[in-house]
Protein backbone atom coordinates (compact mmCIF):
# COMPACT_ATOMS: atom_id res chain seq x y z
CA MET A 1 80.95 95.64 105.71
CA ARG A 2 79.47 92.72 103.79
CA PRO A 3 81.42 91.42 100.79
CA LEU A 4 80.43 93.27 97.63
CA LYS A 5 80.61 92.64 93.92
CA ILE A 6 82.66 95.62 92.72
CA LEU A 7 83.46 96.69 89.17
CA LEU A 8 86.55 98.92 89.03
CA VAL A 9 85.98 101.18 86.01
CA PHE A 10 88.85 103.08 84.37
CA ASP A 11 89.55 104.65 81.00
CA LEU A 12 91.76 103.17 78.29
CA SER A 13 93.77 105.31 75.89
CA ILE A 14 93.90 102.33 73.49
CA PRO A 15 91.46 99.44 73.06
CA LEU A 16 92.45 96.45 75.19
CA MET A 17 90.77 93.17 76.02
CA PRO A 18 90.38 92.29 79.75
CA GLU A 19 92.81 89.40 79.40
CA ASP A 20 95.51 91.95 78.52
CA TYR A 21 95.07 94.10 81.65
CA ALA A 22 97.43 92.10 83.87
CA ASP A 23 100.60 93.03 81.96
CA TYR A 24 99.67 96.70 81.82
CA MET A 25 98.84 96.88 85.53
CA LYS A 26 102.47 96.06 86.27
CA THR A 27 103.50 99.43 84.82
CA ASP A 28 103.67 102.76 86.67
CA ASP A 29 100.91 104.24 84.50
CA TRP A 30 98.44 101.76 85.95
CA GLU A 31 99.51 101.69 89.58
CA ASN A 32 96.37 103.56 90.66
CA GLU A 33 94.15 100.79 89.27
CA ALA A 34 96.45 98.01 90.42
CA HIS A 35 96.67 99.24 94.03
CA VAL A 36 92.92 99.73 94.36
CA LEU A 37 92.06 96.39 92.76
CA GLU A 38 94.51 94.55 95.01
CA THR A 39 93.10 96.25 98.09
CA LEU A 40 89.47 95.57 97.17
CA LYS A 41 90.25 91.87 97.00
CA LYS A 42 92.22 92.05 100.24
CA LEU A 43 89.14 93.55 101.92
CA GLY A 44 87.16 90.47 100.91
CA HIS A 45 85.23 91.89 97.97
CA THR A 46 84.79 90.29 94.57
CA ALA A 47 86.50 92.84 92.36
CA LYS A 48 86.95 93.03 88.61
CA ALA A 49 88.65 95.69 86.47
CA PHE A 50 86.83 97.01 83.43
CA GLY A 51 88.37 99.48 80.96
CA ILE A 52 86.40 101.78 78.69
CA HIS A 53 87.94 103.20 75.51
CA ASP A 54 85.60 104.52 72.80
CA ASP A 55 82.63 102.15 72.98
CA ILE A 56 80.12 102.11 75.83
CA ASP A 57 78.23 98.99 74.69
CA PRO A 58 80.59 96.45 76.35
CA PHE A 59 80.12 98.26 79.67
CA ILE A 60 76.32 98.18 79.31
CA HIS A 61 76.54 94.48 78.49
CA GLU A 62 78.70 93.86 81.58
CA ILE A 63 76.25 95.69 83.83
CA LYS A 64 73.23 93.81 82.49
CA ASN A 65 74.92 90.44 82.88
CA GLU A 66 76.77 90.88 86.17
CA ARG A 67 74.96 93.74 87.98
CA PRO A 68 77.68 94.84 90.44
CA ASP A 69 76.85 96.26 93.85
CA LEU A 70 79.25 99.14 93.28
CA ILE A 71 81.27 100.92 90.62
CA PHE A 72 84.69 101.95 91.95
CA ASN A 73 85.16 104.84 89.57
CA LEU A 74 88.71 105.62 88.39
CA SER A 75 87.69 106.86 84.94
CA GLU A 76 88.96 110.25 83.76
CA ALA A 77 88.11 110.32 80.06
CA PHE A 78 86.31 108.65 77.18
CA ASN A 79 88.24 107.97 73.97
CA GLY A 80 91.13 109.94 75.48
CA ASP A 81 89.01 113.09 75.90
CA ARG A 82 88.76 114.43 79.45
CA ARG A 83 85.75 116.57 78.56
CA PHE A 84 83.66 113.41 78.81
CA GLU A 85 84.75 112.55 82.38
CA PRO A 86 81.49 113.79 83.99
CA HIS A 87 79.35 111.76 81.58
CA LEU A 88 80.35 108.36 82.91
CA PRO A 89 79.00 109.03 86.44
CA SER A 90 75.86 110.35 84.73
CA LEU A 91 75.57 106.99 83.00
CA PHE A 92 76.09 105.16 86.29
CA GLU A 93 73.21 107.14 87.77
CA LEU A 94 70.94 106.44 84.80
CA LEU A 95 71.66 102.74 85.28
CA GLY A 96 70.86 102.96 88.99
CA LEU A 97 74.41 102.12 90.06
CA LYS A 98 76.18 103.19 93.24
CA TYR A 99 79.67 104.56 92.59
CA THR A 100 82.63 106.07 94.43
CA GLY A 101 83.81 109.64 94.23
CA ALA A 102 82.44 112.84 92.75
CA GLY A 103 79.20 113.14 90.83
CA PRO A 104 78.74 114.65 87.36
CA GLY A 105 77.90 118.11 88.70
CA ALA A 106 81.09 118.45 90.72
CA LEU A 107 83.22 117.03 87.91
CA THR A 108 81.75 119.53 85.44
CA LEU A 109 82.11 122.45 87.83
CA CYS A 110 85.73 121.73 88.80
CA LYS A 111 86.79 121.50 85.17
CA ASP A 112 85.98 125.19 84.69
CA LYS A 113 88.76 126.91 86.65
CA GLY A 114 87.19 130.32 86.10
CA LEU A 115 83.73 129.39 87.33
CA THR A 116 85.10 127.69 90.44
CA LYS A 117 87.01 130.84 91.33
CA LYS A 118 83.92 133.02 90.87
CA LEU A 119 81.90 130.79 93.18
CA LEU A 120 84.60 130.58 95.81
CA ALA A 121 85.33 134.31 95.75
CA TYR A 122 81.63 134.86 96.47
CA GLN A 123 82.05 132.56 99.47
CA GLY A 124 84.96 134.64 100.79
CA ILE A 125 87.77 132.32 99.67
CA ARG A 126 90.91 134.10 98.45
CA VAL A 127 91.52 133.47 94.74
CA PRO A 128 93.96 135.05 92.26
CA ARG A 129 92.72 137.79 90.01
CA PHE A 130 91.94 136.12 86.68
CA GLU A 131 90.60 136.57 83.17
CA VAL A 132 89.09 133.80 81.02
CA VAL A 133 89.78 134.00 77.27
CA LYS A 134 87.59 131.79 75.09
CA LYS A 135 88.93 130.31 71.86
CA GLY A 136 88.81 132.81 69.05
CA GLN A 137 88.58 135.76 71.44
CA SER A 138 91.03 138.26 72.90
CA PRO A 139 91.26 139.30 76.56
CA LYS A 140 89.31 142.46 77.36
CA GLU A 141 90.46 143.59 80.81
CA LEU A 142 94.25 143.40 81.01
CA GLU A 143 95.14 147.10 81.12
CA ASP A 144 95.98 147.03 84.83
CA PHE A 145 96.52 143.28 85.25
CA PRO A 146 99.28 142.53 87.80
CA TYR A 147 102.42 140.89 86.44
CA PRO A 148 103.85 138.35 86.47
CA ALA A 149 100.79 136.54 85.18
CA PHE A 150 100.22 132.82 84.76
CA VAL A 151 98.54 131.47 81.62
CA LYS A 152 97.13 127.94 81.38
CA PRO A 153 94.32 125.96 79.73
CA LEU A 154 90.97 126.58 81.39
CA GLN A 155 89.77 122.98 81.59
CA LEU A 156 92.78 120.69 81.25
CA GLU A 157 94.24 118.81 84.22
CA ALA A 158 97.49 117.34 85.59
CA SER A 159 99.43 120.52 84.59
CA GLU A 160 98.90 119.79 80.89
CA GLY A 161 99.81 122.91 78.93
CA ILE A 162 101.86 124.39 81.78
CA SER A 163 105.58 125.13 81.33
CA GLN A 164 108.08 127.78 82.41
CA VAL A 165 106.84 130.11 79.65
CA SER A 166 103.36 129.97 81.17
CA LEU A 167 104.69 132.69 83.50
CA THR A 168 104.51 135.96 81.59
CA GLU A 169 105.95 139.38 82.44
CA ASN A 170 104.04 141.65 80.08
CA LEU A 171 100.97 141.95 77.87
CA ALA A 172 102.69 140.83 74.65
CA ASP A 173 103.98 137.59 76.17
CA THR A 174 100.60 136.95 77.76
CA LEU A 175 98.78 137.32 74.46
CA ASP A 176 101.30 135.02 72.76
CA ARG A 177 100.75 132.31 75.38
CA VAL A 178 96.96 132.63 75.15
CA GLN A 179 97.19 132.18 71.37
CA PHE A 180 99.45 129.15 71.85
CA ILE A 181 96.91 127.47 74.17
CA HIS A 182 94.06 128.23 71.79
CA GLU A 183 95.92 126.73 68.82
CA LYS A 184 98.01 123.94 70.36
CA PHE A 185 95.41 122.52 72.76
CA GLU A 186 92.26 123.84 71.07
CA ALA A 187 91.26 125.00 74.54
CA ASP A 188 90.05 128.12 76.29
CA ALA A 189 92.70 129.88 78.38
CA ILE A 190 92.73 131.43 81.83
CA ILE A 191 95.13 134.22 82.79
CA GLU A 192 95.80 134.35 86.53
CA GLU A 193 97.72 136.63 88.82
CA PHE A 194 100.84 134.65 89.77
CA ILE A 195 100.89 133.86 93.48
CA ASP A 196 104.44 133.60 94.77
CA GLY A 197 104.51 131.10 97.61
CA ARG A 198 104.51 127.47 98.68
CA GLU A 199 102.52 124.92 96.66
CA LEU A 200 100.27 122.93 99.01
CA TYR A 201 97.83 120.06 98.47
CA VAL A 202 95.09 119.25 101.00
CA GLY A 203 93.20 115.97 100.73
CA VAL A 204 89.60 115.90 101.99
CA LEU A 205 87.54 112.77 102.70
CA GLY A 206 83.82 112.57 103.39
CA ASN A 207 80.32 113.70 102.50
CA GLU A 208 78.49 115.52 105.30
CA ARG A 209 81.24 115.04 107.88
CA LEU A 210 84.60 115.97 106.40
CA ASN A 211 88.17 115.08 107.32
CA ALA A 212 90.84 117.43 105.93
CA PHE A 213 94.23 115.71 105.95
CA PRO A 214 97.61 117.23 106.82
CA PRO A 215 98.86 119.19 103.78
CA ARG A 216 101.44 117.91 101.33
CA GLU A 217 103.92 120.27 99.68
CA LEU A 218 105.76 120.44 96.37
CA PHE A 219 109.39 121.25 97.19
CA PHE A 220 111.92 122.82 94.77
CA LYS A 221 115.23 122.22 96.53
CA GLU A 222 117.60 123.11 93.65
CA VAL A 223 115.64 126.02 92.18
CA PRO A 224 117.62 129.18 93.04
CA GLU A 225 116.20 131.56 95.62
CA GLY A 226 114.12 134.25 93.95
CA GLU A 227 113.33 132.13 90.90
CA PRO A 228 109.63 131.28 90.42
CA LYS A 229 108.65 127.79 91.54
CA ILE A 230 106.01 126.44 89.20
CA ALA A 231 104.20 123.09 89.12
CA THR A 232 104.76 122.58 85.39
CA PHE A 233 103.97 119.37 83.54
CA ARG A 234 107.63 118.33 83.71
CA ALA A 235 107.88 119.28 87.39
CA LYS A 236 105.10 116.80 88.11
CA TRP A 237 105.76 113.98 85.68
CA ASN A 238 109.34 114.00 84.34
CA ASP A 239 111.63 112.07 86.73
CA ASP A 240 114.87 113.42 85.21
CA TYR A 241 113.64 117.00 85.44
CA ARG A 242 112.50 116.50 89.03
CA LYS A 243 115.88 115.06 89.97
CA LYS A 244 117.79 117.91 88.29
CA TRP A 245 115.90 120.60 90.20
CA GLY A 246 115.40 118.71 93.45
CA ILE A 247 111.62 118.63 93.02
CA ARG A 248 109.77 116.29 95.33
CA ASN A 249 106.43 115.89 97.10
CA GLY A 250 106.38 115.45 100.86
CA PRO A 251 104.66 116.38 104.10
CA ALA A 252 104.32 120.15 104.26
CA ALA A 253 107.00 122.05 106.13
CA SER A 254 106.03 123.95 109.26
CA ILE A 255 102.85 126.05 109.06
CA PRO A 256 101.73 128.25 111.98
CA ALA A 257 98.94 126.50 113.91
CA ASP A 258 96.39 129.29 113.39
CA VAL A 259 97.09 129.43 109.64
CA LEU A 260 96.83 125.64 109.34
CA GLU A 261 93.51 125.55 111.19
CA GLU A 262 92.07 128.30 108.98
CA MET A 263 93.41 126.56 105.87
CA LEU A 264 91.86 123.19 106.66
CA GLU A 265 88.49 124.76 107.46
CA ALA A 266 88.64 126.72 104.20
CA CYS A 267 89.36 123.51 102.28
CA LYS A 268 86.24 121.93 103.77
CA LYS A 269 84.23 124.98 102.71
CA ILE A 270 85.68 124.76 99.19
CA TYR A 271 84.86 121.04 99.05
CA ARG A 272 81.22 121.65 100.03
CA THR A 273 80.78 124.66 97.74
CA LEU A 274 82.01 122.69 94.72
CA GLN A 275 79.72 119.75 95.62
CA LEU A 276 82.56 117.27 95.99
CA ARG A 277 81.70 113.85 97.36
CA GLY A 278 83.70 110.93 98.69
CA TYR A 279 87.17 112.41 98.32
CA GLY A 280 88.99 115.27 96.65
CA ARG A 281 92.11 117.41 96.76
CA ILE A 282 92.38 121.18 97.10
CA ASP A 283 95.45 122.94 95.65
CA LEU A 284 96.62 126.14 97.33
CA ARG A 285 99.46 128.63 97.43
CA LEU A 286 100.69 129.83 100.82
CA LYS A 287 102.17 133.34 100.62
CA PRO A 288 105.09 134.46 102.81
CA ASN A 289 102.69 136.64 104.85
CA GLY A 290 100.63 133.58 105.84
CA GLU A 291 97.73 134.15 103.45
CA PHE A 292 96.68 131.12 101.42
CA VAL A 293 95.11 131.39 97.97
CA PHE A 294 92.96 128.80 96.18
CA LEU A 295 94.33 127.50 92.88
CA GLU A 296 92.06 124.63 91.87
CA ALA A 297 90.13 121.61 93.10
CA ASN A 298 90.72 118.03 91.99
CA PRO A 299 87.77 115.65 92.30
CA ASN A 300 88.75 111.96 92.28
CA PRO A 301 92.53 112.54 92.51
CA SER A 302 94.92 109.63 92.10
CA ILE A 303 94.79 107.29 95.10
CA ALA A 304 97.76 105.03 94.41
CA LYS A 305 99.57 104.05 97.62
CA GLU A 306 102.51 106.43 97.12
CA ASP A 307 100.52 109.39 95.80
CA ASP A 308 99.81 112.50 97.82
CA PHE A 309 96.25 111.67 98.78
CA ALA A 310 96.98 108.24 100.26
CA LEU A 311 100.13 109.49 102.00
CA SER A 312 98.17 112.40 103.52
CA ALA A 313 95.57 109.92 104.77
CA ALA A 314 98.31 107.81 106.33
CA LYS A 315 99.62 110.93 108.10
CA ALA A 316 96.08 111.30 109.52
CA ASP A 317 96.30 107.69 110.82
CA ILE A 318 94.15 106.21 108.05
CA PRO A 319 96.07 103.28 106.51
CA TYR A 320 95.50 102.43 102.86
CA ASP A 321 93.12 99.51 103.39
CA GLU A 322 90.97 101.62 105.70
CA LEU A 323 91.03 104.52 103.22
CA ILE A 324 89.64 102.36 100.41
CA ALA A 325 87.04 100.89 102.77
CA LYS A 326 85.93 104.41 103.74
CA MET A 327 85.56 105.38 100.09
CA ILE A 328 83.32 102.38 99.54
CA SER A 329 81.21 103.30 102.58
CA LEU A 330 80.88 106.92 101.39
CA SER A 331 79.34 105.68 98.12
CA GLY A 332 76.17 104.75 100.01
CA VAL A 333 76.21 100.99 99.45
């Protein structure tokens, strides 16, 4: 691949000048950006990081003056609001820019956990029974809903709004949690049938031809047998909490060959149905009887070197440098 001029675009939660990026990229919060930027330069490209906070004009100015060959898109929000994530790729397209990862349609679709499940159920993918409850409304069809149920924000990501009390045992607790999500997060809620089983993550790379990587698993070593194992916000992001309960991510434990083959093919079907492009991650639950159930899809997941996606790629014999190079190639430059 010829050397490219690449602008690595990411979102800033606070306004920062480019000269201040270096110090922040030494922190864990910025390892995604730091690892990709380092690798782009290692691959021989001219790469520059550019953060967007609450003003799009500096980005427009940068594009007009420098005109990069490619946007390496790591943005997830605008002014701290994830609802605007799909709009930045829309802007890239309006400006005639090539970019990595999912397009605005896929990003919009995957943010609506209810709509994705409706589409995938139509395609024959197993999904939990669910009910969407819009802000200001009450659920209408819970008379025979199976408990325990799982209540979470409809459109938030990274397990935001998910805790142990998200698992509810009766109608009263379910309604209380729905009200909490409406008020605390000012978000719609989704009530799902709780699927008891193993939490699995399958990375997928490609456009027309897809490569589904070996699954990763979220392990709960110190959680007592019979207790529900939930990927709460703390289970994902709080190091002390993870240590206390023996929570870790790693290569999935043994899965029967026929189940694994069916699972990987289903993940490719999910990826295509939801119009993902470049790379994405599919989250599943594997039940004790060998059935797997779709939970949600993650377009543009974190690709830091030690995160699940990159480690899954390595398990599939795709080292990190090659992974980043493939993502560039899949952008169409």
